[in-house]
PDB file of all heavy atoms in Angstrom:
ATOM      1  N   LEU A   1      -0.627   4.939 -48.774  1.00  0.00           N
ATOM      2  CA  LEU A   1      -0.215   5.345 -47.436  1.00  0.00           C
ATOM      3  C   LEU A   1       1.168   5.980 -47.522  1.00  0.00           C
ATOM      4  O   LEU A   1       1.978   5.617 -48.387  1.00  0.00           O
ATOM      5  CB  LEU A   1      -0.183   4.149 -46.484  1.00  0.00           C
ATOM      6  CG  LEU A   1      -1.497   3.385 -46.296  1.00  0.00           C
ATOM      7  CD1 LEU A   1      -1.267   2.166 -45.401  1.00  0.00           C
ATOM      8  CD2 LEU A   1      -2.572   4.289 -45.712  1.00  0.00           C
ATOM      9  N   LEU A   2       1.449   6.911 -46.625  1.00  0.00           N
ATOM     10  CA  LEU A   2       2.711   7.639 -46.686  1.00  0.00           C
ATOM     11  C   LEU A   2       3.818   6.924 -45.914  1.00  0.00           C
ATOM     12  O   LEU A   2       3.758   6.770 -44.697  1.00  0.00           O
ATOM     13  CB  LEU A   2       2.531   9.051 -46.149  1.00  0.00           C
ATOM     14  CG  LEU A   2       1.767  10.010 -47.068  1.00  0.00           C
ATOM     15  CD1 LEU A   2       1.738  11.413 -46.464  1.00  0.00           C
ATOM     16  CD2 LEU A   2       2.364  10.049 -48.464  1.00  0.00           C
ATOM     17  N   ASP A   3       4.817   6.497 -46.661  1.00  0.00           N
ATOM     18  CA  ASP A   3       6.023   5.922 -46.093  1.00  0.00           C
ATOM     19  C   ASP A   3       6.998   7.059 -45.769  1.00  0.00           C
ATOM     20  O   ASP A   3       6.773   8.213 -46.130  1.00  0.00           O
ATOM     21  CB  ASP A   3       6.639   4.939 -47.091  1.00  0.00           C
ATOM     22  CG  ASP A   3       5.599   3.981 -47.661  1.00  0.00           C
ATOM     23  OD1 ASP A   3       4.954   3.268 -46.864  1.00  0.00           O
ATOM     24  OD2 ASP A   3       5.413   3.960 -48.898  1.00  0.00           O
ATOM     25  N   VAL A   4       8.084   6.738 -45.098  1.00  0.00           N
ATOM     26  CA  VAL A   4       9.059   7.754 -44.692  1.00  0.00           C
ATOM     27  C   VAL A   4      10.446   7.336 -45.152  1.00  0.00           C
ATOM     28  O   VAL A   4      10.840   6.176 -44.998  1.00  0.00           O
ATOM     29  CB  VAL A   4       9.051   7.954 -43.160  1.00  0.00           C
ATOM     30  CG1 VAL A   4      10.191   8.876 -42.724  1.00  0.00           C
ATOM     31  CG2 VAL A   4       7.713   8.530 -42.703  1.00  0.00           C
ATOM     32  N   ILE A   5      11.180   8.280 -45.735  1.00  0.00           N
ATOM     33  CA  ILE A   5      12.587   8.084 -46.067  1.00  0.00           C
ATOM     34  C   ILE A   5      13.419   8.984 -45.165  1.00  0.00           C
ATOM     35  O   ILE A   5      13.175  10.183 -45.070  1.00  0.00           O
ATOM     36  CB  ILE A   5      12.883   8.400 -47.541  1.00  0.00           C
ATOM     37  CG1 ILE A   5      12.144   7.416 -48.465  1.00  0.00           C
ATOM     38  CG2 ILE A   5      14.391   8.324 -47.817  1.00  0.00           C
ATOM     39  CD1 ILE A   5      12.327   7.711 -49.940  1.00  0.00           C
ATOM     40  N   ALA A   6      14.396   8.391 -44.492  1.00  0.00           N
ATOM     41  CA  ALA A   6      15.272   9.132 -43.589  1.00  0.00           C
ATOM     42  C   ALA A   6      16.716   8.746 -43.863  1.00  0.00           C
ATOM     43  O   ALA A   6      17.008   7.616 -44.267  1.00  0.00           O
ATOM     44  CB  ALA A   6      14.912   8.832 -42.137  1.00  0.00           C
ATOM     45  N   SER A   7      17.628   9.689 -43.634  1.00  0.00           N
ATOM     46  CA  SER A   7      19.052   9.441 -43.836  1.00  0.00           C
ATOM     47  C   SER A   7      19.774   9.522 -42.497  1.00  0.00           C
ATOM     48  O   SER A   7      19.751  10.560 -41.833  1.00  0.00           O
ATOM     49  CB  SER A   7      19.626  10.459 -44.820  1.00  0.00           C
ATOM     50  OG  SER A   7      20.989  10.189 -45.089  1.00  0.00           O
ATOM     51  N   PHE A   8      20.420   8.419 -42.111  1.00  0.00           N
ATOM     52  CA  PHE A   8      21.089   8.347 -40.803  1.00  0.00           C
ATOM     53  C   PHE A   8      21.995   7.126 -40.790  1.00  0.00           C
ATOM     54  O   PHE A   8      21.851   6.204 -41.605  1.00  0.00           O
ATOM     55  CB  PHE A   8      20.054   8.235 -39.669  1.00  0.00           C
ATOM     56  CG  PHE A   8      19.200   6.989 -39.752  1.00  0.00           C
ATOM     57  CD1 PHE A   8      19.508   5.866 -38.989  1.00  0.00           C
ATOM     58  CD2 PHE A   8      18.113   6.931 -40.609  1.00  0.00           C
ATOM     59  CE1 PHE A   8      18.742   4.711 -39.083  1.00  0.00           C
ATOM     60  CE2 PHE A   8      17.342   5.788 -40.703  1.00  0.00           C
ATOM     61  CZ  PHE A   8      17.648   4.670 -39.937  1.00  0.00           C
ATOM     62  N   ASN A   9      22.961   7.112 -39.882  1.00  0.00           N
ATOM     63  CA  ASN A   9      23.855   5.967 -39.671  1.00  0.00           C
ATOM     64  C   ASN A   9      24.460   5.438 -40.971  1.00  0.00           C
ATOM     65  O   ASN A   9      24.576   4.229 -41.188  1.00  0.00           O
ATOM     66  CB  ASN A   9      23.116   4.830 -38.959  1.00  0.00           C
ATOM     67  CG  ASN A   9      22.767   5.157 -37.525  1.00  0.00           C
ATOM     68  OD1 ASN A   9      23.214   6.180 -36.991  1.00  0.00           O
ATOM     69  ND2 ASN A   9      21.958   4.321 -36.890  1.00  0.00           N
ATOM     70  N   GLY A  10      24.847   6.339 -41.865  1.00  0.00           N
ATOM     71  CA  GLY A  10      25.495   5.939 -43.101  1.00  0.00           C
ATOM     72  C   GLY A  10      24.579   5.378 -44.162  1.00  0.00           C
ATOM     73  O   GLY A  10      25.058   4.737 -45.105  1.00  0.00           O
ATOM     74  N   THR A  11      23.260   5.605 -44.026  1.00  0.00           N
ATOM     75  CA  THR A  11      22.311   5.047 -44.983  1.00  0.00           C
ATOM     76  C   THR A  11      21.259   6.077 -45.383  1.00  0.00           C
ATOM     77  O   THR A  11      21.086   7.104 -44.741  1.00  0.00           O
ATOM     78  CB  THR A  11      21.546   3.845 -44.398  1.00  0.00           C
ATOM     79  OG1 THR A  11      20.580   4.301 -43.422  1.00  0.00           O
ATOM     80  CG2 THR A  11      22.483   2.843 -43.752  1.00  0.00           C
ATOM     81  N   VAL A  12      20.544   5.745 -46.458  1.00  0.00           N
ATOM     82  CA  VAL A  12      19.233   6.308 -46.748  1.00  0.00           C
ATOM     83  C   VAL A  12      18.268   5.136 -46.636  1.00  0.00           C
ATOM     84  O   VAL A  12      18.431   4.131 -47.334  1.00  0.00           O
ATOM     85  CB  VAL A  12      19.155   6.940 -48.147  1.00  0.00           C
ATOM     86  CG1 VAL A  12      17.774   7.521 -48.390  1.00  0.00           C
ATOM     87  CG2 VAL A  12      20.223   8.010 -48.325  1.00  0.00           C
ATOM     88  N   SER A  13      17.271   5.233 -45.758  1.00  0.00           N
ATOM     89  CA  SER A  13      16.421   4.094 -45.450  1.00  0.00           C
ATOM     90  C   SER A  13      14.942   4.435 -45.607  1.00  0.00           C
ATOM     91  O   SER A  13      14.518   5.560 -45.334  1.00  0.00           O
ATOM     92  CB  SER A  13      16.675   3.595 -44.025  1.00  0.00           C
ATOM     93  OG  SER A  13      17.975   3.045 -43.902  1.00  0.00           O
ATOM     94  N   LEU A  14      14.181   3.435 -46.020  1.00  0.00           N
ATOM     95  CA  LEU A  14      12.740   3.563 -46.233  1.00  0.00           C
ATOM     96  C   LEU A  14      11.991   2.814 -45.143  1.00  0.00           C
ATOM     97  O   LEU A  14      12.279   1.642 -44.864  1.00  0.00           O
ATOM     98  CB  LEU A  14      12.371   2.994 -47.608  1.00  0.00           C
ATOM     99  CG  LEU A  14      10.896   2.863 -47.956  1.00  0.00           C
ATOM    100  CD1 LEU A  14      10.236   4.232 -48.079  1.00  0.00           C
ATOM    101  CD2 LEU A  14      10.720   2.073 -49.254  1.00  0.00           C
ATOM    102  N   PHE A  15      10.993   3.488 -44.540  1.00  0.00           N
ATOM    103  CA  PHE A  15      10.142   2.886 -43.516  1.00  0.00           C
ATOM    104  C   PHE A  15       8.714   2.821 -44.068  1.00  0.00           C
ATOM    105  O   PHE A  15       8.138   3.848 -44.437  1.00  0.00           O
ATOM    106  CB  PHE A  15      10.192   3.712 -42.233  1.00  0.00           C
ATOM    107  CG  PHE A  15      11.552   3.749 -41.593  1.00  0.00           C
ATOM    108  CD1 PHE A  15      12.496   4.690 -42.005  1.00  0.00           C
ATOM    109  CD2 PHE A  15      11.895   2.842 -40.609  1.00  0.00           C
ATOM    110  CE1 PHE A  15      13.753   4.733 -41.430  1.00  0.00           C
ATOM    111  CE2 PHE A  15      13.152   2.874 -40.024  1.00  0.00           C
ATOM    112  CZ  PHE A  15      14.093   3.821 -40.436  1.00  0.00           C
ATOM    113  N   ILE A  16       8.149   1.614 -44.086  1.00  0.00           N
ATOM    114  CA  ILE A  16       6.881   1.370 -44.755  1.00  0.00           C
ATOM    115  C   ILE A  16       5.698   1.589 -43.811  1.00  0.00           C
ATOM    116  O   ILE A  16       5.645   1.033 -42.705  1.00  0.00           O
ATOM    117  CB  ILE A  16       6.829  -0.068 -45.321  1.00  0.00           C
ATOM    118  CG1 ILE A  16       7.955  -0.283 -46.337  1.00  0.00           C
ATOM    119  CG2 ILE A  16       5.473  -0.356 -45.959  1.00  0.00           C
ATOM    120  CD1 ILE A  16       7.850   0.575 -47.581  1.00  0.00           C
ATOM    121  N   ALA A  17       4.741   2.419 -44.254  1.00  0.00           N
ATOM    122  CA  ALA A  17       3.482   2.632 -43.529  1.00  0.00           C
ATOM    123  C   ALA A  17       2.610   1.387 -43.661  1.00  0.00           C
ATOM    124  O   ALA A  17       2.777   0.585 -44.576  1.00  0.00           O
ATOM    125  CB  ALA A  17       2.770   3.850 -44.107  1.00  0.00           C
ATOM    126  N   PRO A  18       1.665   1.143 -42.735  1.00  0.00           N
ATOM    127  CA  PRO A  18       1.198   2.092 -41.716  1.00  0.00           C
ATOM    128  C   PRO A  18       1.910   2.025 -40.368  1.00  0.00           C
ATOM    129  O   PRO A  18       1.658   2.866 -39.519  1.00  0.00           O
ATOM    130  CB  PRO A  18      -0.265   1.705 -41.552  1.00  0.00           C
ATOM    131  CG  PRO A  18      -0.283   0.233 -41.777  1.00  0.00           C
ATOM    132  CD  PRO A  18       0.736  -0.011 -42.855  1.00  0.00           C
ATOM    133  N   THR A  19       2.762   1.015 -40.146  1.00  0.00           N
ATOM    134  CA  THR A  19       3.421   0.934 -38.839  1.00  0.00           C
ATOM    135  C   THR A  19       4.821   1.524 -38.863  1.00  0.00           C
ATOM    136  O   THR A  19       5.379   1.799 -37.804  1.00  0.00           O
ATOM    137  CB  THR A  19       3.532  -0.530 -38.378  1.00  0.00           C
ATOM    138  OG1 THR A  19       4.390  -1.243 -39.282  1.00  0.00           O
ATOM    139  CG2 THR A  19       2.156  -1.186 -38.335  1.00  0.00           C
ATOM    140  N   TRP A  20       5.419   1.653 -40.064  1.00  0.00           N
ATOM    141  CA  TRP A  20       6.784   2.147 -40.232  1.00  0.00           C
ATOM    142  C   TRP A  20       7.810   1.255 -39.518  1.00  0.00           C
ATOM    143  O   TRP A  20       8.913   1.683 -39.218  1.00  0.00           O
ATOM    144  CB  TRP A  20       6.903   3.602 -39.761  1.00  0.00           C
ATOM    145  CG  TRP A  20       5.983   4.507 -40.513  1.00  0.00           C
ATOM    146  CD1 TRP A  20       6.187   5.049 -41.748  1.00  0.00           C
ATOM    147  CD2 TRP A  20       4.692   4.949 -40.106  1.00  0.00           C
ATOM    148  NE1 TRP A  20       5.101   5.791 -42.138  1.00  0.00           N
ATOM    149  CE2 TRP A  20       4.171   5.760 -41.134  1.00  0.00           C
ATOM    150  CE3 TRP A  20       3.919   4.760 -38.960  1.00  0.00           C
ATOM    151  CZ2 TRP A  20       2.909   6.366 -41.058  1.00  0.00           C
ATOM    152  CZ3 TRP A  20       2.670   5.363 -38.887  1.00  0.00           C
ATOM    153  CH2 TRP A  20       2.186   6.157 -39.930  1.00  0.00           C
ATOM    154  N   GLN A  21       7.422   0.003 -39.286  1.00  0.00           N
ATOM    155  CA  GLN A  21       8.334  -0.943 -38.642  1.00  0.00           C
ATOM    156  C   GLN A  21       9.183  -1.704 -39.655  1.00  0.00           C
ATOM    157  O   GLN A  21      10.275  -2.165 -39.327  1.00  0.00           O
ATOM    158  CB  GLN A  21       7.544  -1.938 -37.782  1.00  0.00           C
ATOM    159  CG  GLN A  21       6.739  -1.277 -36.667  1.00  0.00           C
ATOM    160  CD  GLN A  21       7.593  -0.435 -35.745  1.00  0.00           C
ATOM    161  OE1 GLN A  21       8.480  -0.954 -35.070  1.00  0.00           O
ATOM    162  NE2 GLN A  21       7.335   0.873 -35.702  1.00  0.00           N
ATOM    163  N   GLN A  22       8.684  -1.859 -40.888  1.00  0.00           N
ATOM    164  CA  GLN A  22       9.474  -2.473 -41.948  1.00  0.00           C
ATOM    165  C   GLN A  22      10.465  -1.453 -42.480  1.00  0.00           C
ATOM    166  O   GLN A  22      10.086  -0.362 -42.905  1.00  0.00           O
ATOM    167  CB  GLN A  22       8.578  -2.944 -43.101  1.00  0.00           C
ATOM    168  CG  GLN A  22       7.751  -4.161 -42.808  1.00  0.00           C
ATOM    169  CD  GLN A  22       6.927  -4.549 -44.027  1.00  0.00           C
ATOM    170  OE1 GLN A  22       5.932  -3.910 -44.346  1.00  0.00           O
ATOM    171  NE2 GLN A  22       7.360  -5.580 -44.719  1.00  0.00           N
ATOM    172  N   GLN A  23      11.744  -1.806 -42.466  1.00  0.00           N
ATOM    173  CA  GLN A  23      12.788  -0.885 -42.902  1.00  0.00           C
ATOM    174  C   GLN A  23      13.591  -1.525 -44.029  1.00  0.00           C
ATOM    175  O   GLN A  23      13.996  -2.685 -43.946  1.00  0.00           O
ATOM    176  CB  GLN A  23      13.717  -0.541 -41.738  1.00  0.00           C
ATOM    177  CG  GLN A  23      14.881   0.357 -42.125  1.00  0.00           C
ATOM    178  CD  GLN A  23      15.814   0.628 -40.960  1.00  0.00           C
ATOM    179  OE1 GLN A  23      15.498   0.332 -39.806  1.00  0.00           O
ATOM    180  NE2 GLN A  23      16.976   1.189 -41.239  1.00  0.00           N
ATOM    181  N   TYR A  24      13.822  -0.741 -45.087  1.00  0.00           N
ATOM    182  CA  TYR A  24      14.634  -1.194 -46.211  1.00  0.00           C
ATOM    183  C   TYR A  24      15.717  -0.155 -46.473  1.00  0.00           C
ATOM    184  O   TYR A  24      15.423   1.036 -46.618  1.00  0.00           O
ATOM    185  CB  TYR A  24      13.782  -1.387 -47.468  1.00  0.00           C
ATOM    186  CG  TYR A  24      12.680  -2.398 -47.290  1.00  0.00           C
ATOM    187  CD1 TYR A  24      11.371  -1.985 -47.041  1.00  0.00           C
ATOM    188  CD2 TYR A  24      12.943  -3.758 -47.349  1.00  0.00           C
ATOM    189  CE1 TYR A  24      10.354  -2.905 -46.860  1.00  0.00           C
ATOM    190  CE2 TYR A  24      11.930  -4.694 -47.170  1.00  0.00           C
ATOM    191  CZ  TYR A  24      10.638  -4.265 -46.928  1.00  0.00           C
ATOM    192  OH  TYR A  24       9.633  -5.183 -46.735  1.00  0.00           O
ATOM    193  N   VAL A  25      16.961  -0.598 -46.534  1.00  0.00           N
ATOM    194  CA  VAL A  25      18.071   0.299 -46.829  1.00  0.00           C
ATOM    195  C   VAL A  25      18.118   0.525 -48.340  1.00  0.00           C
ATOM    196  O   VAL A  25      18.321  -0.407 -49.112  1.00  0.00           O
ATOM    197  CB  VAL A  25      19.404  -0.264 -46.320  1.00  0.00           C
ATOM    198  CG1 VAL A  25      20.567   0.638 -46.753  1.00  0.00           C
ATOM    199  CG2 VAL A  25      19.377  -0.388 -44.802  1.00  0.00           C
ATOM    200  N   MET A  26      17.933   1.775 -48.753  1.00  0.00           N
ATOM    201  CA  MET A  26      17.930   2.139 -50.167  1.00  0.00           C
ATOM    202  C   MET A  26      19.336   2.418 -50.681  1.00  0.00           C
ATOM    203  O   MET A  26      19.631   2.211 -51.858  1.00  0.00           O
ATOM    204  CB  MET A  26      17.086   3.403 -50.373  1.00  0.00           C
ATOM    205  CG  MET A  26      15.657   3.289 -49.882  1.00  0.00           C
ATOM    206  SD  MET A  26      14.943   4.904 -49.518  1.00  0.00           S
ATOM    207  CE  MET A  26      15.309   5.841 -50.978  1.00  0.00           C
ATOM    208  N   HIS A  27      20.186   2.932 -49.790  1.00  0.00           N
ATOM    209  CA  HIS A  27      21.519   3.351 -50.212  1.00  0.00           C
ATOM    210  C   HIS A  27      22.445   3.357 -49.001  1.00  0.00           C
ATOM    211  O   HIS A  27      22.045   3.761 -47.908  1.00  0.00           O
ATOM    212  CB  HIS A  27      21.456   4.762 -50.817  1.00  0.00           C
ATOM    213  CG  HIS A  27      22.775   5.309 -51.265  1.00  0.00           C
ATOM    214  ND1 HIS A  27      23.432   4.846 -52.380  1.00  0.00           N
ATOM    215  CD2 HIS A  27      23.568   6.292 -50.745  1.00  0.00           C
ATOM    216  CE1 HIS A  27      24.562   5.514 -52.536  1.00  0.00           C
ATOM    217  NE2 HIS A  27      24.666   6.389 -51.560  1.00  0.00           N
ATOM    218  N   ARG A  28      23.681   2.886 -49.206  1.00  0.00           N
ATOM    219  CA  ARG A  28      24.697   2.938 -48.155  1.00  0.00           C
ATOM    220  C   ARG A  28      25.849   3.836 -48.611  1.00  0.00           C
ATOM    221  O   ARG A  28      26.355   3.694 -49.725  1.00  0.00           O
ATOM    222  CB  ARG A  28      25.236   1.540 -47.835  1.00  0.00           C
ATOM    223  CG  ARG A  28      24.217   0.624 -47.177  1.00  0.00           C
ATOM    224  CD  ARG A  28      24.853  -0.682 -46.728  1.00  0.00           C
ATOM    225  NE  ARG A  28      23.862  -1.606 -46.194  1.00  0.00           N
ATOM    226  CZ  ARG A  28      23.424  -1.589 -44.954  1.00  0.00           C
ATOM    227  NH1 ARG A  28      23.921  -0.705 -44.091  1.00  0.00           N
ATOM    228  NH2 ARG A  28      22.522  -2.463 -44.543  1.00  0.00           N
ATOM    229  N   PHE A  29      26.255   4.739 -47.716  1.00  0.00           N
ATOM    230  CA  PHE A  29      27.370   5.619 -48.023  1.00  0.00           C
ATOM    231  C   PHE A  29      28.690   4.921 -47.712  1.00  0.00           C
ATOM    232  O   PHE A  29      28.759   4.002 -46.896  1.00  0.00           O
ATOM    233  CB  PHE A  29      27.276   6.911 -47.205  1.00  0.00           C
ATOM    234  CG  PHE A  29      26.075   7.749 -47.526  1.00  0.00           C
ATOM    235  CD1 PHE A  29      24.992   7.790 -46.657  1.00  0.00           C
ATOM    236  CD2 PHE A  29      26.021   8.488 -48.692  1.00  0.00           C
ATOM    237  CE1 PHE A  29      23.883   8.567 -46.939  1.00  0.00           C
ATOM    238  CE2 PHE A  29      24.916   9.257 -48.994  1.00  0.00           C
ATOM    239  CZ  PHE A  29      23.840   9.295 -48.118  1.00  0.00           C
ATOM    240  N   THR A  30      29.737   5.389 -48.357  1.00  0.00           N
ATOM    241  CA  THR A  30      31.088   4.910 -48.079  1.00  0.00           C
ATOM    242  C   THR A  30      31.939   6.088 -47.613  1.00  0.00           C
ATOM    243  O   THR A  30      31.527   7.245 -47.691  1.00  0.00           O
ATOM    244  CB  THR A  30      31.719   4.288 -49.335  1.00  0.00           C
ATOM    245  OG1 THR A  30      31.757   5.267 -50.382  1.00  0.00           O
ATOM    246  CG2 THR A  30      30.918   3.072 -49.796  1.00  0.00           C
ATOM    247  N   GLY A  31      33.124   5.782 -47.131  1.00  0.00           N
ATOM    248  CA  GLY A  31      34.062   6.834 -46.758  1.00  0.00           C
ATOM    249  C   GLY A  31      33.713   7.580 -45.489  1.00  0.00           C
ATOM    250  O   GLY A  31      34.179   8.705 -45.281  1.00  0.00           O
ATOM    251  N   GLY A  32      32.881   6.999 -44.659  1.00  0.00           N
ATOM    252  CA  GLY A  32      32.563   7.610 -43.386  1.00  0.00           C
ATOM    253  C   GLY A  32      31.424   8.604 -43.394  1.00  0.00           C
ATOM    254  O   GLY A  32      31.132   9.222 -42.359  1.00  0.00           O
ATOM    255  N   THR A  33      30.752   8.793 -44.543  1.00  0.00           N
ATOM    256  CA  THR A  33      29.604   9.697 -44.599  1.00  0.00           C
ATOM    257  C   THR A  33      28.479   9.161 -43.731  1.00  0.00           C
ATOM    258  O   THR A  33      28.069   8.010 -43.876  1.00  0.00           O
ATOM    259  CB  THR A  33      29.102   9.863 -46.044  1.00  0.00           C
ATOM    260  OG1 THR A  33      30.150  10.433 -46.834  1.00  0.00           O
ATOM    261  CG2 THR A  33      27.874  10.752 -46.107  1.00  0.00           C
ATOM    262  N   LYS A  34      27.961   9.983 -42.837  1.00  0.00           N
ATOM    263  CA  LYS A  34      26.934   9.537 -41.896  1.00  0.00           C
ATOM    264  C   LYS A  34      25.515   9.679 -42.436  1.00  0.00           C
ATOM    265  O   LYS A  34      24.615   8.956 -42.024  1.00  0.00           O
ATOM    266  CB  LYS A  34      27.078  10.304 -40.580  1.00  0.00           C
ATOM    267  CG  LYS A  34      28.378  10.009 -39.853  1.00  0.00           C
ATOM    268  CD  LYS A  34      28.469  10.779 -38.534  1.00  0.00           C
ATOM    269  CE  LYS A  34      29.759  10.456 -37.811  1.00  0.00           C
ATOM    270  NZ  LYS A  34      29.884  11.187 -36.514  1.00  0.00           N
ATOM    271  N   GLY A  35      25.316  10.649 -43.340  1.00  0.00           N
ATOM    272  CA  GLY A  35      23.978  10.827 -43.869  1.00  0.00           C
ATOM    273  C   GLY A  35      23.835  12.152 -44.583  1.00  0.00           C
ATOM    274  O   GLY A  35      24.750  12.983 -44.599  1.00  0.00           O
ATOM    275  N   CYS A  36      22.675  12.354 -45.181  1.00  0.00           N
ATOM    276  CA  CYS A  36      22.394  13.589 -45.905  1.00  0.00           C
ATOM    277  C   CYS A  36      21.961  14.691 -44.945  1.00  0.00           C
ATOM    278  O   CYS A  36      21.411  14.432 -43.883  1.00  0.00           O
ATOM    279  CB  CYS A  36      21.297  13.357 -46.938  1.00  0.00           C
ATOM    280  SG  CYS A  36      21.875  12.412 -48.362  1.00  0.00           S
ATOM    281  N   ILE A  37      22.166  15.922 -45.377  1.00  0.00           N
ATOM    282  CA  ILE A  37      21.758  17.064 -44.575  1.00  0.00           C
ATOM    283  C   ILE A  37      20.385  17.572 -44.981  1.00  0.00           C
ATOM    284  O   ILE A  37      19.700  18.226 -44.207  1.00  0.00           O
ATOM    285  CB  ILE A  37      22.814  18.183 -44.663  1.00  0.00           C
ATOM    286  CG1 ILE A  37      22.657  19.149 -43.488  1.00  0.00           C
ATOM    287  CG2 ILE A  37      22.764  18.900 -46.018  1.00  0.00           C
ATOM    288  CD1 ILE A  37      23.856  20.042 -43.262  1.00  0.00           C
ATOM    289  N   HIS A  38      19.932  17.264 -46.219  1.00  0.00           N
ATOM    290  CA  HIS A  38      18.613  17.679 -46.666  1.00  0.00           C
ATOM    291  C   HIS A  38      18.181  16.784 -47.820  1.00  0.00           C
ATOM    292  O   HIS A  38      19.006  16.112 -48.449  1.00  0.00           O
ATOM    293  CB  HIS A  38      18.624  19.144 -47.106  1.00  0.00           C
ATOM    294  CG  HIS A  38      17.305  19.830 -46.980  1.00  0.00           C
ATOM    295  ND1 HIS A  38      16.820  20.715 -47.909  1.00  0.00           N
ATOM    296  CD2 HIS A  38      16.339  19.740 -46.025  1.00  0.00           C
ATOM    297  CE1 HIS A  38      15.639  21.173 -47.528  1.00  0.00           C
ATOM    298  NE2 HIS A  38      15.327  20.588 -46.387  1.00  0.00           N
ATOM    299  N   SER A  39      16.872  16.761 -48.122  1.00  0.00           N
ATOM    300  CA  SER A  39      16.376  15.858 -49.160  1.00  0.00           C
ATOM    301  C   SER A  39      15.051  16.349 -49.724  1.00  0.00           C
ATOM    302  O   SER A  39      14.363  17.188 -49.135  1.00  0.00           O
ATOM    303  CB  SER A  39      16.225  14.435 -48.606  1.00  0.00           C
ATOM    304  OG  SER A  39      15.310  14.399 -47.515  1.00  0.00           O
ATOM    305  N   GLU A  40      14.682  15.781 -50.881  1.00  0.00           N
ATOM    306  CA  GLU A  40      13.425  16.077 -51.560  1.00  0.00           C
ATOM    307  C   GLU A  40      12.932  14.821 -52.263  1.00  0.00           C
ATOM    308  O   GLU A  40      13.699  13.874 -52.483  1.00  0.00           O
ATOM    309  CB  GLU A  40      13.611  17.183 -52.607  1.00  0.00           C
ATOM    310  CG  GLU A  40      13.347  18.591 -52.100  1.00  0.00           C
ATOM    311  CD  GLU A  40      11.861  18.898 -51.911  1.00  0.00           C
ATOM    312  OE1 GLU A  40      11.042  17.954 -52.013  1.00  0.00           O
ATOM    313  OE2 GLU A  40      11.525  20.066 -51.679  1.00  0.00           O
ATOM    314  N   VAL A  41      11.643  14.799 -52.618  1.00  0.00           N
ATOM    315  CA  VAL A  41      11.104  13.740 -53.456  1.00  0.00           C
ATOM    316  C   VAL A  41      10.469  14.371 -54.690  1.00  0.00           C
ATOM    317  O   VAL A  41       9.790  15.400 -54.598  1.00  0.00           O
ATOM    318  CB  VAL A  41      10.075  12.864 -52.707  1.00  0.00           C
ATOM    319  CG1 VAL A  41      10.767  12.027 -51.651  1.00  0.00           C
ATOM    320  CG2 VAL A  41       8.975  13.700 -52.069  1.00  0.00           C
TER     321      VAL A  41
END
């Protein structure tokens, strides 16, 4: 099933399908960085 990775609020976070309600923080930024502007897998 396709999960979703999104970058926001100072993190890169993984949302697990099929409900995408389970969230795991993969990476936390420091220094005030809010998130990525683009990404690939």
